[in-house]
Amino acid sequence: MKPSFMGSLRISHLPQMGFLKYPHHNHNQSSIITCGLRGGTKKPLWKSRVLSTEAIQAVHSLKLANSNSKLHHVLSTRLSRLLKADLLDTLAELQRQNEFQLALKLFTELEKDGLKPDTRAFTELIGAYLQVGMMEKAMETYERLKACGCSPNKLTFTILIRNLENAGKEELAAVVKKDCIEYLEYPERFLEDVRKKHLKRRQLDLV
């Protein structure tokens, strides 16, 4: 019998990967890096770390898969050997390289295998949607994050607020800002920091 896609993964490792078997509220602090709307390769959303050889090979194999059958083969074989944070690093690297469709496919396959994404995984997908200007999809994913029992963190709020405001979606940005009161400590201070940093970034862009 063919092993399942995630059959080799140890359940004890799942919280480190960004995919959980049960809902988990993640309040860990992360370095904040904006996901912009400009083209080109961008910085990762989270603190950079050296990709494992397996994760690098997985990204390479996914990019070389030029048909649905080859893509399915990569997803069901090579990626089944990735452990701990490697799967999530693969997702993040695909997003960083603007491989939106591959990132979405990987995220979908992980969900199909019965694994529940956590805050980081959802935030990576939100960032991927924002990168290609799909604001409605980004907001849908944000609502799914909350509905699944995860808690958006400062990074989730930062990339949503900045990108929504840059796109002129002030009403949607206001909805996200309102949620900060529920999910963050000292929301007023956080929103003021976001405003100041956003203003500074815009001033630098004009130089």
N, C-alpha and C. Protein backbone atom coordinates (compact mmCIF):
# COMPACT_ATOMS: atom_id res chain seq x y z
N MET A 1 0.85 -1.21 0.00
CA MET A 1 0.00 0.00 0.00
C MET A 1 0.87 1.24 0.00
N LYS A 2 0.59 2.16 -0.87
CA LYS A 2 1.40 3.37 -1.00
C LYS A 2 1.29 4.22 0.25
N PRO A 3 2.47 4.62 0.82
CA PRO A 3 2.41 5.44 2.05
C PRO A 3 1.75 6.77 1.79
N SER A 4 1.08 7.28 2.79
CA SER A 4 0.41 8.58 2.66
C SER A 4 1.44 9.67 2.54
N PHE A 5 1.01 10.79 2.03
CA PHE A 5 1.91 11.94 1.77
C PHE A 5 2.70 12.35 2.99
N MET A 6 2.05 12.39 4.16
CA MET A 6 2.74 12.82 5.38
C MET A 6 2.99 11.64 6.31
N GLY A 7 2.99 10.41 5.75
CA GLY A 7 3.06 9.23 6.59
C GLY A 7 4.29 9.14 7.44
N SER A 8 5.43 9.68 6.95
CA SER A 8 6.67 9.54 7.68
C SER A 8 6.87 10.60 8.74
N LEU A 9 5.96 11.56 8.84
CA LEU A 9 6.12 12.64 9.80
C LEU A 9 5.74 12.18 11.20
N ARG A 10 6.54 12.56 12.17
CA ARG A 10 6.22 12.25 13.56
C ARG A 10 5.31 13.34 14.10
N ILE A 11 4.21 12.92 14.72
CA ILE A 11 3.23 13.88 15.21
C ILE A 11 3.84 14.84 16.21
N SER A 12 4.82 14.38 16.97
CA SER A 12 5.43 15.24 17.98
C SER A 12 6.16 16.41 17.36
N HIS A 13 6.47 16.32 16.06
CA HIS A 13 7.20 17.39 15.40
C HIS A 13 6.28 18.44 14.79
N LEU A 14 5.02 18.15 14.67
CA LEU A 14 4.14 19.01 13.90
C LEU A 14 4.06 20.44 14.40
N PRO A 15 4.01 20.73 15.70
CA PRO A 15 3.93 22.12 16.13
C PRO A 15 5.12 22.94 15.67
N GLN A 16 6.30 22.31 15.49
CA GLN A 16 7.46 23.05 15.04
C GLN A 16 7.37 23.36 13.55
N MET A 17 6.58 22.62 12.82
CA MET A 17 6.50 22.78 11.38
C MET A 17 5.54 23.87 10.96
N GLY A 18 4.66 24.25 11.81
CA GLY A 18 3.65 25.21 11.40
C GLY A 18 2.33 24.54 11.05
N PHE A 19 2.24 23.23 11.25
CA PHE A 19 0.99 22.52 11.01
C PHE A 19 0.69 21.69 12.23
N LEU A 20 -0.52 21.87 12.79
CA LEU A 20 -0.89 21.26 14.05
C LEU A 20 -2.03 20.28 13.88
N LYS A 21 -2.05 19.29 14.73
CA LYS A 21 -3.17 18.35 14.72
C LYS A 21 -4.36 18.93 15.46
N TYR A 22 -4.10 19.87 16.37
CA TYR A 22 -5.17 20.50 17.13
C TYR A 22 -4.94 21.99 17.15
N PRO A 23 -5.99 22.81 17.34
CA PRO A 23 -5.82 24.27 17.37
C PRO A 23 -4.82 24.68 18.42
N HIS A 24 -4.06 25.74 18.09
CA HIS A 24 -3.03 26.22 19.00
C HIS A 24 -2.93 27.72 18.87
N HIS A 25 -2.93 28.43 19.98
CA HIS A 25 -2.82 29.88 19.95
C HIS A 25 -1.37 30.25 20.02
N ASN A 26 -0.88 30.91 19.00
CA ASN A 26 0.53 31.24 18.89
C ASN A 26 0.73 32.72 19.16
N HIS A 27 1.39 33.03 20.29
CA HIS A 27 1.63 34.43 20.62
C HIS A 27 3.12 34.75 20.58
N ASN A 28 3.93 33.88 19.93
CA ASN A 28 5.36 34.11 19.91
C ASN A 28 5.68 35.36 19.12
N GLN A 29 6.71 36.07 19.56
CA GLN A 29 7.15 37.27 18.87
C GLN A 29 7.98 36.87 17.67
N SER A 30 7.84 37.57 16.57
CA SER A 30 8.62 37.31 15.37
C SER A 30 9.16 38.63 14.86
N SER A 31 10.30 38.55 14.17
CA SER A 31 10.81 39.77 13.55
C SER A 31 9.87 40.17 12.44
N ILE A 32 9.54 41.45 12.33
CA ILE A 32 8.53 41.90 11.39
C ILE A 32 9.17 42.37 10.10
N ILE A 33 8.83 41.72 9.01
CA ILE A 33 9.32 42.09 7.70
C ILE A 33 8.12 42.22 6.78
N THR A 34 7.99 43.34 6.12
CA THR A 34 6.80 43.60 5.32
C THR A 34 6.80 42.79 4.04
N CYS A 35 5.65 42.26 3.70
CA CYS A 35 5.46 41.63 2.41
C CYS A 35 4.89 42.69 1.48
N GLY A 36 5.68 43.17 0.57
CA GLY A 36 5.24 44.26 -0.29
C GLY A 36 4.53 43.77 -1.52
N LEU A 37 4.08 44.71 -2.34
CA LEU A 37 3.36 44.37 -3.56
C LEU A 37 4.24 44.48 -4.79
N ARG A 38 5.51 44.81 -4.60
CA ARG A 38 6.38 44.98 -5.74
C ARG A 38 6.82 43.64 -6.28
N GLY A 39 7.30 43.66 -7.51
CA GLY A 39 7.76 42.44 -8.13
C GLY A 39 9.13 42.06 -7.62
N GLY A 40 9.63 40.91 -8.09
CA GLY A 40 10.96 40.48 -7.71
C GLY A 40 10.96 39.65 -6.44
N THR A 41 12.10 38.98 -6.23
CA THR A 41 12.25 38.16 -5.04
C THR A 41 12.27 39.02 -3.80
N LYS A 42 11.56 38.59 -2.78
CA LYS A 42 11.46 39.40 -1.57
C LYS A 42 12.04 38.66 -0.38
N LYS A 43 12.16 39.35 0.72
CA LYS A 43 12.66 38.75 1.95
C LYS A 43 11.60 37.84 2.54
N PRO A 44 12.02 36.80 3.29
CA PRO A 44 11.05 35.93 3.95
C PRO A 44 10.30 36.69 5.03
N LEU A 45 9.11 36.19 5.37
CA LEU A 45 8.31 36.84 6.40
C LEU A 45 8.91 36.65 7.79
N TRP A 46 9.62 35.55 7.97
CA TRP A 46 10.11 35.21 9.29
C TRP A 46 11.62 35.32 9.33
N LYS A 47 12.21 35.14 10.50
CA LYS A 47 13.66 35.19 10.63
C LYS A 47 14.29 34.18 9.68
N SER A 48 15.28 34.64 8.94
CA SER A 48 15.93 33.77 7.97
C SER A 48 16.69 32.65 8.68
N ARG A 49 16.67 31.48 8.09
CA ARG A 49 17.50 30.40 8.57
C ARG A 49 17.95 29.60 7.37
N VAL A 50 19.07 28.92 7.51
CA VAL A 50 19.62 28.18 6.39
C VAL A 50 18.70 27.01 6.06
N LEU A 51 18.32 26.91 4.80
CA LEU A 51 17.47 25.80 4.39
C LEU A 51 18.25 24.50 4.43
N SER A 52 17.60 23.44 4.82
CA SER A 52 18.23 22.12 4.80
C SER A 52 18.39 21.67 3.35
N THR A 53 19.29 20.71 3.15
CA THR A 53 19.49 20.16 1.81
C THR A 53 18.19 19.59 1.27
N GLU A 54 17.44 18.92 2.15
CA GLU A 54 16.17 18.31 1.72
C GLU A 54 15.16 19.37 1.27
N ALA A 55 15.08 20.48 2.00
CA ALA A 55 14.15 21.54 1.63
C ALA A 55 14.55 22.19 0.31
N ILE A 56 15.85 22.40 0.11
CA ILE A 56 16.34 22.97 -1.15
C ILE A 56 16.00 22.05 -2.31
N GLN A 57 16.23 20.76 -2.13
CA GLN A 57 15.91 19.79 -3.19
C GLN A 57 14.42 19.74 -3.46
N ALA A 58 13.61 19.87 -2.42
CA ALA A 58 12.16 19.85 -2.60
C ALA A 58 11.70 21.05 -3.42
N VAL A 59 12.22 22.23 -3.11
CA VAL A 59 11.87 23.43 -3.88
C VAL A 59 12.28 23.25 -5.34
N HIS A 60 13.49 22.75 -5.55
CA HIS A 60 13.99 22.55 -6.92
C HIS A 60 13.11 21.56 -7.68
N SER A 61 12.75 20.46 -7.02
CA SER A 61 11.92 19.44 -7.68
C SER A 61 10.53 19.97 -8.02
N LEU A 62 9.95 20.74 -7.12
CA LEU A 62 8.63 21.31 -7.37
C LEU A 62 8.66 22.27 -8.56
N LYS A 63 9.72 23.04 -8.67
CA LYS A 63 9.82 24.00 -9.76
C LYS A 63 10.06 23.31 -11.10
N LEU A 64 10.67 22.12 -11.07
CA LEU A 64 10.93 21.38 -12.30
C LEU A 64 9.73 20.55 -12.75
N ALA A 65 8.79 20.32 -11.85
CA ALA A 65 7.61 19.52 -12.19
C ALA A 65 6.71 20.29 -13.15
N ASN A 66 6.75 19.91 -14.42
CA ASN A 66 6.02 20.67 -15.44
C ASN A 66 4.70 20.04 -15.86
N SER A 67 4.19 19.13 -15.04
CA SER A 67 2.88 18.54 -15.30
C SER A 67 2.25 18.17 -13.97
N ASN A 68 0.94 18.00 -13.97
CA ASN A 68 0.24 17.65 -12.73
C ASN A 68 0.70 16.31 -12.17
N SER A 69 0.98 15.35 -13.08
CA SER A 69 1.41 14.03 -12.62
C SER A 69 2.78 14.10 -11.95
N LYS A 70 3.69 14.89 -12.54
CA LYS A 70 5.02 15.03 -11.95
C LYS A 70 4.94 15.78 -10.63
N LEU A 71 4.08 16.79 -10.57
CA LEU A 71 3.91 17.55 -9.34
C LEU A 71 3.37 16.65 -8.23
N HIS A 72 2.38 15.84 -8.57
CA HIS A 72 1.81 14.91 -7.58
C HIS A 72 2.87 13.93 -7.10
N HIS A 73 3.73 13.48 -8.01
CA HIS A 73 4.79 12.54 -7.63
C HIS A 73 5.75 13.18 -6.63
N VAL A 74 6.12 14.43 -6.88
CA VAL A 74 7.02 15.13 -5.96
C VAL A 74 6.36 15.30 -4.59
N LEU A 75 5.08 15.70 -4.61
CA LEU A 75 4.37 15.92 -3.35
C LEU A 75 4.23 14.65 -2.53
N SER A 76 4.05 13.52 -3.22
CA SER A 76 3.79 12.27 -2.51
C SER A 76 5.06 11.48 -2.18
N THR A 77 6.20 11.88 -2.73
CA THR A 77 7.44 11.14 -2.48
C THR A 77 8.47 12.00 -1.76
N ARG A 78 9.03 12.95 -2.47
CA ARG A 78 10.12 13.73 -1.89
C ARG A 78 9.68 14.50 -0.65
N LEU A 79 8.50 15.14 -0.70
CA LEU A 79 8.08 15.96 0.44
C LEU A 79 7.68 15.13 1.64
N SER A 80 7.37 13.85 1.42
CA SER A 80 7.00 12.99 2.55
C SER A 80 8.19 12.73 3.46
N ARG A 81 9.40 13.02 2.98
CA ARG A 81 10.59 12.78 3.79
C ARG A 81 11.01 14.00 4.60
N LEU A 82 10.33 15.12 4.39
CA LEU A 82 10.70 16.33 5.12
C LEU A 82 10.16 16.29 6.55
N LEU A 83 11.00 16.67 7.50
CA LEU A 83 10.62 16.64 8.90
C LEU A 83 10.67 18.03 9.52
N LYS A 84 10.05 18.16 10.68
CA LYS A 84 10.08 19.36 11.50
C LYS A 84 9.74 20.60 10.68
N ALA A 85 10.65 21.58 10.66
CA ALA A 85 10.35 22.87 10.03
C ALA A 85 10.61 22.87 8.53
N ASP A 86 11.11 21.77 7.99
CA ASP A 86 11.50 21.77 6.58
C ASP A 86 10.34 22.00 5.63
N LEU A 87 9.18 21.41 5.95
CA LEU A 87 8.02 21.61 5.08
C LEU A 87 7.59 23.07 5.04
N LEU A 88 7.56 23.68 6.21
CA LEU A 88 7.17 25.08 6.26
C LEU A 88 8.22 25.97 5.62
N ASP A 89 9.50 25.61 5.77
CA ASP A 89 10.56 26.36 5.10
C ASP A 89 10.42 26.26 3.59
N THR A 90 10.00 25.09 3.11
CA THR A 90 9.76 24.93 1.68
C THR A 90 8.64 25.84 1.22
N LEU A 91 7.57 25.90 1.99
CA LEU A 91 6.45 26.79 1.68
C LEU A 91 6.91 28.25 1.65
N ALA A 92 7.69 28.64 2.66
CA ALA A 92 8.18 30.02 2.75
C ALA A 92 9.11 30.36 1.59
N GLU A 93 9.96 29.40 1.21
CA GLU A 93 10.91 29.65 0.12
C GLU A 93 10.19 29.78 -1.22
N LEU A 94 9.16 28.98 -1.43
CA LEU A 94 8.36 29.11 -2.66
C LEU A 94 7.72 30.48 -2.72
N GLN A 95 7.21 30.95 -1.59
CA GLN A 95 6.61 32.28 -1.56
C GLN A 95 7.65 33.35 -1.83
N ARG A 96 8.85 33.20 -1.23
CA ARG A 96 9.92 34.18 -1.41
C ARG A 96 10.33 34.29 -2.87
N GLN A 97 10.27 33.16 -3.58
CA GLN A 97 10.65 33.14 -4.99
C GLN A 97 9.47 33.47 -5.91
N ASN A 98 8.38 33.94 -5.32
CA ASN A 98 7.18 34.30 -6.10
C ASN A 98 6.57 33.12 -6.84
N GLU A 99 6.78 31.91 -6.33
CA GLU A 99 6.16 30.71 -6.91
C GLU A 99 4.81 30.52 -6.23
N PHE A 100 3.89 31.43 -6.51
CA PHE A 100 2.61 31.46 -5.80
C PHE A 100 1.81 30.18 -5.99
N GLN A 101 1.68 29.71 -7.23
CA GLN A 101 0.87 28.53 -7.50
C GLN A 101 1.42 27.29 -6.80
N LEU A 102 2.74 27.16 -6.79
CA LEU A 102 3.34 26.01 -6.11
C LEU A 102 3.15 26.10 -4.60
N ALA A 103 3.28 27.31 -4.05
CA ALA A 103 3.06 27.49 -2.62
C ALA A 103 1.63 27.14 -2.24
N LEU A 104 0.69 27.57 -3.05
CA LEU A 104 -0.72 27.28 -2.79
C LEU A 104 -1.00 25.79 -2.89
N LYS A 105 -0.39 25.14 -3.90
CA LYS A 105 -0.59 23.70 -4.08
C LYS A 105 -0.04 22.93 -2.88
N LEU A 106 1.14 23.32 -2.41
CA LEU A 106 1.73 22.66 -1.25
C LEU A 106 0.86 22.84 -0.02
N PHE A 107 0.39 24.05 0.21
CA PHE A 107 -0.48 24.33 1.36
C PHE A 107 -1.75 23.46 1.29
N THR A 108 -2.34 23.38 0.11
CA THR A 108 -3.56 22.60 -0.08
C THR A 108 -3.32 21.12 0.18
N GLU A 109 -2.20 20.59 -0.32
CA GLU A 109 -1.89 19.18 -0.13
C GLU A 109 -1.67 18.86 1.34
N LEU A 110 -1.05 19.77 2.06
CA LEU A 110 -0.83 19.55 3.48
C LEU A 110 -2.16 19.48 4.23
N GLU A 111 -3.08 20.36 3.85
CA GLU A 111 -4.41 20.33 4.48
C GLU A 111 -5.16 19.05 4.14
N LYS A 112 -5.04 18.60 2.88
CA LYS A 112 -5.72 17.38 2.46
C LYS A 112 -5.25 16.17 3.26
N ASP A 113 -4.02 16.22 3.71
CA ASP A 113 -3.47 15.10 4.47
C ASP A 113 -3.91 15.12 5.93
N GLY A 114 -4.78 16.06 6.28
CA GLY A 114 -5.35 16.08 7.61
C GLY A 114 -4.59 16.89 8.63
N LEU A 115 -3.63 17.70 8.17
CA LEU A 115 -2.85 18.52 9.09
C LEU A 115 -3.41 19.93 9.14
N LYS A 116 -3.50 20.45 10.35
CA LYS A 116 -4.12 21.77 10.55
C LYS A 116 -3.04 22.85 10.57
N PRO A 117 -3.08 23.80 9.64
CA PRO A 117 -2.09 24.88 9.64
C PRO A 117 -2.19 25.72 10.91
N ASP A 118 -1.05 26.26 11.35
CA ASP A 118 -1.07 27.16 12.49
C ASP A 118 -0.89 28.60 11.99
N THR A 119 -0.65 29.51 12.93
CA THR A 119 -0.58 30.94 12.58
C THR A 119 0.49 31.22 11.54
N ARG A 120 1.67 30.61 11.70
CA ARG A 120 2.74 30.89 10.75
C ARG A 120 2.39 30.42 9.35
N ALA A 121 1.83 29.21 9.24
CA ALA A 121 1.49 28.68 7.92
C ALA A 121 0.43 29.55 7.24
N PHE A 122 -0.59 29.94 7.99
CA PHE A 122 -1.62 30.82 7.42
C PHE A 122 -1.02 32.16 7.01
N THR A 123 -0.12 32.69 7.83
CA THR A 123 0.48 33.99 7.51
C THR A 123 1.32 33.91 6.26
N GLU A 124 2.02 32.80 6.05
CA GLU A 124 2.78 32.61 4.82
C GLU A 124 1.84 32.64 3.61
N LEU A 125 0.69 31.98 3.73
CA LEU A 125 -0.25 31.96 2.61
C LEU A 125 -0.85 33.33 2.39
N ILE A 126 -1.16 34.05 3.46
CA ILE A 126 -1.66 35.42 3.33
C ILE A 126 -0.64 36.27 2.60
N GLY A 127 0.63 36.14 2.97
CA GLY A 127 1.68 36.89 2.31
C GLY A 127 1.79 36.55 0.84
N ALA A 128 1.60 35.28 0.49
CA ALA A 128 1.65 34.87 -0.92
C ALA A 128 0.52 35.52 -1.71
N TYR A 129 -0.68 35.53 -1.16
CA TYR A 129 -1.80 36.18 -1.84
C TYR A 129 -1.56 37.68 -2.00
N LEU A 130 -1.05 38.32 -0.96
CA LEU A 130 -0.79 39.75 -1.04
C LEU A 130 0.27 40.06 -2.08
N GLN A 131 1.24 39.18 -2.22
CA GLN A 131 2.32 39.40 -3.16
C GLN A 131 1.81 39.50 -4.60
N VAL A 132 0.74 38.78 -4.90
CA VAL A 132 0.19 38.81 -6.26
C VAL A 132 -1.07 39.67 -6.33
N GLY A 133 -1.31 40.46 -5.28
CA GLY A 133 -2.42 41.42 -5.31
C GLY A 133 -3.80 40.83 -5.11
N MET A 134 -3.88 39.61 -4.58
CA MET A 134 -5.18 38.96 -4.37
C MET A 134 -5.68 39.28 -2.96
N MET A 135 -6.18 40.51 -2.79
CA MET A 135 -6.58 40.99 -1.47
C MET A 135 -7.73 40.19 -0.87
N GLU A 136 -8.73 39.87 -1.69
CA GLU A 136 -9.89 39.14 -1.17
C GLU A 136 -9.49 37.76 -0.68
N LYS A 137 -8.62 37.08 -1.42
CA LYS A 137 -8.15 35.77 -1.00
C LYS A 137 -7.33 35.87 0.29
N ALA A 138 -6.54 36.94 0.39
CA ALA A 138 -5.76 37.15 1.61
C ALA A 138 -6.69 37.31 2.81
N MET A 139 -7.77 38.07 2.63
CA MET A 139 -8.72 38.27 3.72
C MET A 139 -9.49 36.99 4.03
N GLU A 140 -9.82 36.21 3.00
CA GLU A 140 -10.48 34.93 3.24
C GLU A 140 -9.59 34.01 4.08
N THR A 141 -8.30 34.00 3.76
CA THR A 141 -7.36 33.17 4.51
C THR A 141 -7.22 33.68 5.94
N TYR A 142 -7.24 34.99 6.10
CA TYR A 142 -7.19 35.59 7.44
C TYR A 142 -8.40 35.16 8.26
N GLU A 143 -9.59 35.14 7.65
CA GLU A 143 -10.79 34.70 8.36
C GLU A 143 -10.72 33.22 8.69
N ARG A 144 -10.14 32.43 7.80
CA ARG A 144 -9.97 31.00 8.06
C ARG A 144 -9.03 30.78 9.23
N LEU A 145 -7.97 31.58 9.29
CA LEU A 145 -7.02 31.50 10.40
C LEU A 145 -7.76 31.63 11.73
N LYS A 146 -8.60 32.63 11.84
CA LYS A 146 -9.34 32.86 13.09
C LYS A 146 -10.37 31.77 13.33
N ALA A 147 -11.05 31.34 12.27
CA ALA A 147 -12.09 30.32 12.41
C ALA A 147 -11.51 28.98 12.86
N CYS A 148 -10.25 28.73 12.53
CA CYS A 148 -9.61 27.46 12.89
C CYS A 148 -9.08 27.44 14.31
N GLY A 149 -9.26 28.55 15.03
CA GLY A 149 -8.80 28.60 16.40
C GLY A 149 -7.41 29.15 16.58
N CYS A 150 -6.80 29.60 15.49
CA CYS A 150 -5.47 30.22 15.58
C CYS A 150 -5.63 31.70 15.91
N SER A 151 -4.57 32.29 16.44
CA SER A 151 -4.59 33.71 16.76
C SER A 151 -3.63 34.46 15.84
N PRO A 152 -4.11 35.45 15.10
CA PRO A 152 -3.19 36.27 14.30
C PRO A 152 -2.21 36.98 15.22
N ASN A 153 -0.95 37.10 14.78
CA ASN A 153 0.04 37.77 15.60
C ASN A 153 0.43 39.11 14.98
N LYS A 154 1.46 39.73 15.53
CA LYS A 154 1.85 41.05 15.06
C LYS A 154 2.26 41.03 13.59
N LEU A 155 2.92 39.96 13.17
CA LEU A 155 3.34 39.87 11.77
C LEU A 155 2.13 39.77 10.85
N THR A 156 1.16 38.94 11.23
CA THR A 156 -0.07 38.81 10.44
C THR A 156 -0.73 40.17 10.26
N PHE A 157 -0.89 40.89 11.36
CA PHE A 157 -1.54 42.20 11.30
C PHE A 157 -0.71 43.20 10.50
N THR A 158 0.60 43.17 10.66
CA THR A 158 1.45 44.15 9.99
C THR A 158 1.37 44.03 8.47
N ILE A 159 1.53 42.80 7.96
CA ILE A 159 1.53 42.66 6.50
C ILE A 159 0.14 42.95 5.92
N LEU A 160 -0.91 42.60 6.65
CA LEU A 160 -2.25 42.89 6.16
C LEU A 160 -2.52 44.39 6.14
N ILE A 161 -2.26 45.06 7.25
CA ILE A 161 -2.55 46.49 7.34
C ILE A 161 -1.77 47.27 6.29
N ARG A 162 -0.47 47.02 6.19
CA ARG A 162 0.36 47.77 5.25
C ARG A 162 -0.05 47.54 3.80
N ASN A 163 -0.27 46.30 3.44
CA ASN A 163 -0.60 46.00 2.06
C ASN A 163 -2.01 46.45 1.69
N LEU A 164 -2.95 46.31 2.61
CA LEU A 164 -4.31 46.78 2.34
C LEU A 164 -4.33 48.29 2.18
N GLU A 165 -3.60 49.00 3.03
CA GLU A 165 -3.55 50.46 2.91
C GLU A 165 -2.84 50.88 1.63
N ASN A 166 -1.78 50.18 1.28
CA ASN A 166 -1.07 50.50 0.03
C ASN A 166 -1.97 50.32 -1.18
N ALA A 167 -2.89 49.36 -1.09
CA ALA A 167 -3.79 49.07 -2.20
C ALA A 167 -5.06 49.93 -2.14
N GLY A 168 -5.15 50.82 -1.16
CA GLY A 168 -6.33 51.68 -1.05
C GLY A 168 -7.53 51.00 -0.44
N LYS A 169 -7.33 49.85 0.21
CA LYS A 169 -8.43 49.10 0.83
C LYS A 169 -8.58 49.54 2.29
N GLU A 170 -8.96 50.79 2.49
CA GLU A 170 -9.00 51.35 3.83
C GLU A 170 -10.04 50.67 4.72
N GLU A 171 -11.19 50.29 4.14
CA GLU A 171 -12.23 49.64 4.95
C GLU A 171 -11.76 48.28 5.47
N LEU A 172 -11.10 47.52 4.61
CA LEU A 172 -10.59 46.22 5.04
C LEU A 172 -9.48 46.40 6.07
N ALA A 173 -8.64 47.40 5.86
CA ALA A 173 -7.57 47.68 6.83
C ALA A 173 -8.16 48.04 8.19
N ALA A 174 -9.28 48.78 8.18
CA ALA A 174 -9.94 49.16 9.43
C ALA A 174 -10.47 47.93 10.17
N VAL A 175 -10.97 46.95 9.43
CA VAL A 175 -11.46 45.71 10.04
C VAL A 175 -10.32 44.98 10.74
N VAL A 176 -9.18 44.91 10.06
CA VAL A 176 -8.02 44.23 10.64
C VAL A 176 -7.52 44.98 11.88
N LYS A 177 -7.49 46.30 11.80
CA LYS A 177 -7.04 47.10 12.95
C LYS A 177 -7.95 46.88 14.16
N LYS A 178 -9.23 46.74 13.91
CA LYS A 178 -10.18 46.51 15.01
C LYS A 178 -9.89 45.19 15.70
N ASP A 179 -9.47 44.19 14.92
CA ASP A 179 -9.16 42.89 15.50
C ASP A 179 -7.93 42.94 16.40
N CYS A 180 -7.05 43.90 16.17
CA CYS A 180 -5.85 44.03 17.01
C CYS A 180 -6.23 44.17 18.48
N ILE A 181 -7.34 44.83 18.75
CA ILE A 181 -7.79 45.05 20.13
C ILE A 181 -8.07 43.71 20.81
N GLU A 182 -8.59 42.77 20.06
CA GLU A 182 -8.95 41.46 20.62
C GLU A 182 -7.75 40.55 20.78
N TYR A 183 -6.80 40.61 19.86
CA TYR A 183 -5.73 39.62 19.83
C TYR A 183 -4.38 40.08 20.38
N LEU A 184 -4.16 41.37 20.51
CA LEU A 184 -2.85 41.86 20.91
C LEU A 184 -2.89 42.60 22.24
N GLU A 185 -1.79 42.53 22.96
CA GLU A 185 -1.61 43.40 24.12
C GLU A 185 -1.16 44.77 23.61
N TYR A 186 -1.61 45.80 24.26
CA TYR A 186 -1.25 47.16 23.88
C TYR A 186 -1.47 47.43 22.38
N PRO A 187 -2.67 47.21 21.89
CA PRO A 187 -2.95 47.38 20.45
C PRO A 187 -2.72 48.80 19.96
N GLU A 188 -3.01 49.80 20.80
CA GLU A 188 -2.82 51.18 20.36
C GLU A 188 -1.35 51.46 20.07
N ARG A 189 -0.48 50.96 20.95
CA ARG A 189 0.96 51.15 20.76
C ARG A 189 1.42 50.44 19.48
N PHE A 190 0.92 49.23 19.27
CA PHE A 190 1.29 48.48 18.07
C PHE A 190 0.87 49.21 16.80
N LEU A 191 -0.37 49.68 16.76
CA LEU A 191 -0.87 50.37 15.57
C LEU A 191 -0.12 51.67 15.32
N GLU A 192 0.28 52.34 16.38
CA GLU A 192 1.06 53.57 16.21
C GLU A 192 2.44 53.25 15.63
N ASP A 193 3.04 52.15 16.08
CA ASP A 193 4.33 51.73 15.53
C ASP A 193 4.21 51.38 14.06
N VAL A 194 3.14 50.68 13.70
CA VAL A 194 2.92 50.32 12.30
C VAL A 194 2.75 51.58 11.46
N ARG A 195 1.99 52.53 11.98
CA ARG A 195 1.76 53.78 11.24
C ARG A 195 3.07 54.53 11.01
N LYS A 196 3.89 54.63 12.06
CA LYS A 196 5.15 55.37 11.94
C LYS A 196 6.11 54.69 10.97
N LYS A 197 6.21 53.37 11.07
CA LYS A 197 7.11 52.64 10.18
C LYS A 197 6.63 52.69 8.74
N HIS A 198 5.31 52.64 8.56
CA HIS A 198 4.75 52.73 7.22
C HIS A 198 5.03 54.10 6.62
N LEU A 199 4.86 55.14 7.42
CA LEU A 199 5.13 56.50 6.95
C LEU A 199 6.60 56.67 6.59
N LYS A 200 7.48 56.13 7.43
CA LYS A 200 8.91 56.23 7.17
C LYS A 200 9.28 55.51 5.89
N ARG A 201 8.69 54.32 5.67
CA ARG A 201 8.97 53.56 4.45
C ARG A 201 8.51 54.32 3.21
N ARG A 202 7.35 54.94 3.29
CA ARG A 202 6.84 55.70 2.15
C ARG A 202 7.72 56.90 1.86
N GLN A 203 8.24 57.53 2.90
CA GLN A 203 9.14 58.67 2.71
C GLN A 203 10.44 58.23 2.04
N LEU A 204 10.95 57.06 2.43
CA LEU A 204 12.16 56.54 1.82
C LEU A 204 11.93 56.18 0.36
N ASP A 205 10.73 55.68 0.05
CA ASP A 205 10.41 55.33 -1.33
C ASP A 205 10.38 56.56 -2.23
N LEU A 206 10.08 57.72 -1.65
CA LEU A 206 9.99 58.95 -2.44
C LEU A 206 11.36 59.57 -2.70
N VAL A 207 12.36 59.13 -1.95
CA VAL A 207 13.70 59.70 -2.09
C VAL A 207 14.37 59.17 -3.36
